[in-house]
């Protein structure tokens, strides 16, 4: 089963493909987007683990620019066949999400 969470930002909803490793939950994002810029400032994003009936919670999130972590997240999502991005390049960052999947 693919691991997804739903997010809400700027009155728009979307999905994030997530992977857990090293006891943490991660996803990838385009680093030059308003969502990422907002997270850099607030360290928060509205996230729901229930994608069918979302109940958004203000969730603590870190933006990570370390290439090794981005590469590890990319390859873990690829191994889970849960990869949204088709190419690993410098336009991506990782988001560390402080929430537990049920």
C-alpha atoms as a PDB file:
ATOM      1  CA  UNK A   1       0.000   0.000   0.000  1.00  0.00           C
ATOM      2  CA  UNK A   2       1.225   3.441  -0.850  1.00  0.00           C
ATOM      3  CA  UNK A   3       1.733   5.806   2.043  1.00  0.00           C
ATOM      4  CA  UNK A   4       0.009   9.116   1.424  1.00  0.00           C
ATOM      5  CA  UNK A   5      -0.957  12.058   3.535  1.00  0.00           C
ATOM      6  CA  UNK A   6      -3.185  14.921   2.493  1.00  0.00           C
ATOM      7  CA  UNK A   7      -2.137  18.530   2.946  1.00  0.00           C
ATOM      8  CA  UNK A   8      -3.854  21.867   2.742  1.00  0.00           C
ATOM      9  CA  UNK A   9      -2.012  25.022   1.831  1.00  0.00           C
ATOM     10  CA  UNK A  10      -3.325  28.342   0.622  1.00  0.00           C
ATOM     11  CA  UNK A  11      -6.897  26.930   0.503  1.00  0.00           C
ATOM     12  CA  UNK A  12      -5.758  24.160  -1.877  1.00  0.00           C
ATOM     13  CA  UNK A  13      -5.548  20.474  -1.038  1.00  0.00           C
ATOM     14  CA  UNK A  14      -3.063  17.936  -2.325  1.00  0.00           C
ATOM     15  CA  UNK A  15      -1.330  14.678  -1.576  1.00  0.00           C
ATOM     16  CA  UNK A  16       2.194  13.905  -0.420  1.00  0.00           C
ATOM     17  CA  UNK A  17       3.814  10.527  -1.007  1.00  0.00           C
ATOM     18  CA  UNK A  18       5.655   9.715   2.204  1.00  0.00           C
ATOM     19  CA  UNK A  19       8.192   7.192   3.373  1.00  0.00           C
ATOM     20  CA  UNK A  20       9.331   6.314   6.877  1.00  0.00           C
ATOM     21  CA  UNK A  21      12.930   5.493   7.627  1.00  0.00           C
ATOM     22  CA  UNK A  22      15.254   6.030  10.543  1.00  0.00           C
ATOM     23  CA  UNK A  23      12.129   6.539  12.653  1.00  0.00           C
ATOM     24  CA  UNK A  24      11.090   9.646  10.715  1.00  0.00           C
ATOM     25  CA  UNK A  25       8.552  10.459   7.996  1.00  0.00           C
ATOM     26  CA  UNK A  26       9.752  12.163   4.801  1.00  0.00           C
ATOM     27  CA  UNK A  27       8.467  13.412   1.460  1.00  0.00           C
ATOM     28  CA  UNK A  28       9.909  15.359  -1.450  1.00  0.00           C
ATOM     29  CA  UNK A  29       8.882  18.807  -2.708  1.00  0.00           C
ATOM     30  CA  UNK A  30       9.976  21.351  -5.270  1.00  0.00           C
ATOM     31  CA  UNK A  31      12.093  23.744  -3.212  1.00  0.00           C
ATOM     32  CA  UNK A  32      11.116  26.960  -5.024  1.00  0.00           C
ATOM     33  CA  UNK A  33       7.375  26.741  -4.303  1.00  0.00           C
ATOM     34  CA  UNK A  34       5.241  28.964  -2.059  1.00  0.00           C
ATOM     35  CA  UNK A  35       4.427  25.920   0.119  1.00  0.00           C
ATOM     36  CA  UNK A  36       8.103  25.267   0.865  1.00  0.00           C
ATOM     37  CA  UNK A  37       8.848  28.967   1.410  1.00  0.00           C
ATOM     38  CA  UNK A  38       5.978  29.106   3.913  1.00  0.00           C
ATOM     39  CA  UNK A  39       7.223  25.991   5.727  1.00  0.00           C
ATOM     40  CA  UNK A  40      10.703  27.550   5.979  1.00  0.00           C
ATOM     41  CA  UNK A  41       9.145  30.495   7.815  1.00  0.00           C
ATOM     42  CA  UNK A  42       6.443  28.809   9.933  1.00  0.00           C
ATOM     43  CA  UNK A  43       7.819  25.250  10.239  1.00  0.00           C
ATOM     44  CA  UNK A  44       4.202  24.101   9.871  1.00  0.00           C
ATOM     45  CA  UNK A  45       1.824  22.592   7.325  1.00  0.00           C
ATOM     46  CA  UNK A  46      -1.779  21.439   7.655  1.00  0.00           C
ATOM     47  CA  UNK A  47      -1.670  17.639   7.251  1.00  0.00           C
ATOM     48  CA  UNK A  48      -4.196  14.828   7.528  1.00  0.00           C
ATOM     49  CA  UNK A  49      -3.293  11.142   7.650  1.00  0.00           C
ATOM     50  CA  UNK A  50      -6.889  10.318   6.664  1.00  0.00           C
ATOM     51  CA  UNK A  51      -6.995  11.057   2.931  1.00  0.00           C
ATOM     52  CA  UNK A  52     -10.682  10.104   2.456  1.00  0.00           C
ATOM     53  CA  UNK A  53     -12.093  12.197   5.313  1.00  0.00           C
ATOM     54  CA  UNK A  54      -9.372  14.749   6.036  1.00  0.00           C
ATOM     55  CA  UNK A  55      -8.983  16.150   9.517  1.00  0.00           C
ATOM     56  CA  UNK A  56      -6.154  18.633   9.093  1.00  0.00           C
ATOM     57  CA  UNK A  57      -3.758  19.177  11.958  1.00  0.00           C
ATOM     58  CA  UNK A  58      -1.156  21.914  12.156  1.00  0.00           C
ATOM     59  CA  UNK A  59       1.960  19.746  11.882  1.00  0.00           C
ATOM     60  CA  UNK A  60       5.608  20.565  12.536  1.00  0.00           C
ATOM     61  CA  UNK A  61       7.708  20.195   9.344  1.00  0.00           C
ATOM     62  CA  UNK A  62      11.400  20.766   8.581  1.00  0.00           C
ATOM     63  CA  UNK A  63      12.730  21.606   5.124  1.00  0.00           C
ATOM     64  CA  UNK A  64      15.927  19.678   4.386  1.00  0.00           C
ATOM     65  CA  UNK A  65      18.410  20.595   1.655  1.00  0.00           C
ATOM     66  CA  UNK A  66      21.057  17.949   2.406  1.00  0.00           C
ATOM     67  CA  UNK A  67      21.637  16.059  -0.859  1.00  0.00           C
ATOM     68  CA  UNK A  68      22.239  12.708   0.831  1.00  0.00           C
ATOM     69  CA  UNK A  69      18.895  12.816   2.658  1.00  0.00           C
ATOM     70  CA  UNK A  70      17.060  13.939  -0.499  1.00  0.00           C
ATOM     71  CA  UNK A  71      18.670  11.083  -2.428  1.00  0.00           C
ATOM     72  CA  UNK A  72      17.738   8.552   0.281  1.00  0.00           C
ATOM     73  CA  UNK A  73      14.116   9.746   0.356  1.00  0.00           C
ATOM     74  CA  UNK A  74      13.916   9.648  -3.443  1.00  0.00           C
ATOM     75  CA  UNK A  75      15.231   6.091  -3.625  1.00  0.00           C
ATOM     76  CA  UNK A  76      12.994   4.920  -0.743  1.00  0.00           C
ATOM     77  CA  UNK A  77       9.901   6.359  -2.473  1.00  0.00           C
ATOM     78  CA  UNK A  78      11.041   4.776  -5.731  1.00  0.00           C
ATOM     79  CA  UNK A  79      11.451   1.371  -4.043  1.00  0.00           C
ATOM     80  CA  UNK A  80       7.902   1.699  -2.628  1.00  0.00           C
ATOM     81  CA  UNK A  81       6.631   2.515  -6.128  1.00  0.00           C
ATOM     82  CA  UNK A  82       5.290   5.707  -4.555  1.00  0.00           C
ATOM     83  CA  UNK A  83       7.355   8.309  -6.387  1.00  0.00           C
ATOM     84  CA  UNK A  84       5.677  11.494  -7.618  1.00  0.00           C
ATOM     85  CA  UNK A  85       8.822  13.056  -9.062  1.00  0.00           C
ATOM     86  CA  UNK A  86      10.294  11.328 -12.093  1.00  0.00           C
ATOM     87  CA  UNK A  87      13.803  12.738 -11.751  1.00  0.00           C
ATOM     88  CA  UNK A  88      16.227  13.366  -8.917  1.00  0.00           C
ATOM     89  CA  UNK A  89      17.723  16.814  -9.423  1.00  0.00           C
ATOM     90  CA  UNK A  90      18.668  20.022  -7.616  1.00  0.00           C
ATOM     91  CA  UNK A  91      15.106  21.377  -7.739  1.00  0.00           C
ATOM     92  CA  UNK A  92      14.006  19.030  -4.940  1.00  0.00           C
ATOM     93  CA  UNK A  93      14.163  19.260  -1.178  1.00  0.00           C
ATOM     94  CA  UNK A  94      13.011  16.840   1.495  1.00  0.00           C
ATOM     95  CA  UNK A  95      10.356  17.586   4.095  1.00  0.00           C
ATOM     96  CA  UNK A  96      10.617  15.895   7.468  1.00  0.00           C
ATOM     97  CA  UNK A  97       7.096  15.576   8.849  1.00  0.00           C
ATOM     98  CA  UNK A  98       6.609  15.159  12.589  1.00  0.00           C
ATOM     99  CA  UNK A  99       3.541  12.913  12.517  1.00  0.00           C
ATOM    100  CA  UNK A 100       2.918   9.174  12.847  1.00  0.00           C
ATOM    101  CA  UNK A 101       1.141   7.145  10.167  1.00  0.00           C
ATOM    102  CA  UNK A 102      -1.543   4.799  11.486  1.00  0.00           C
END
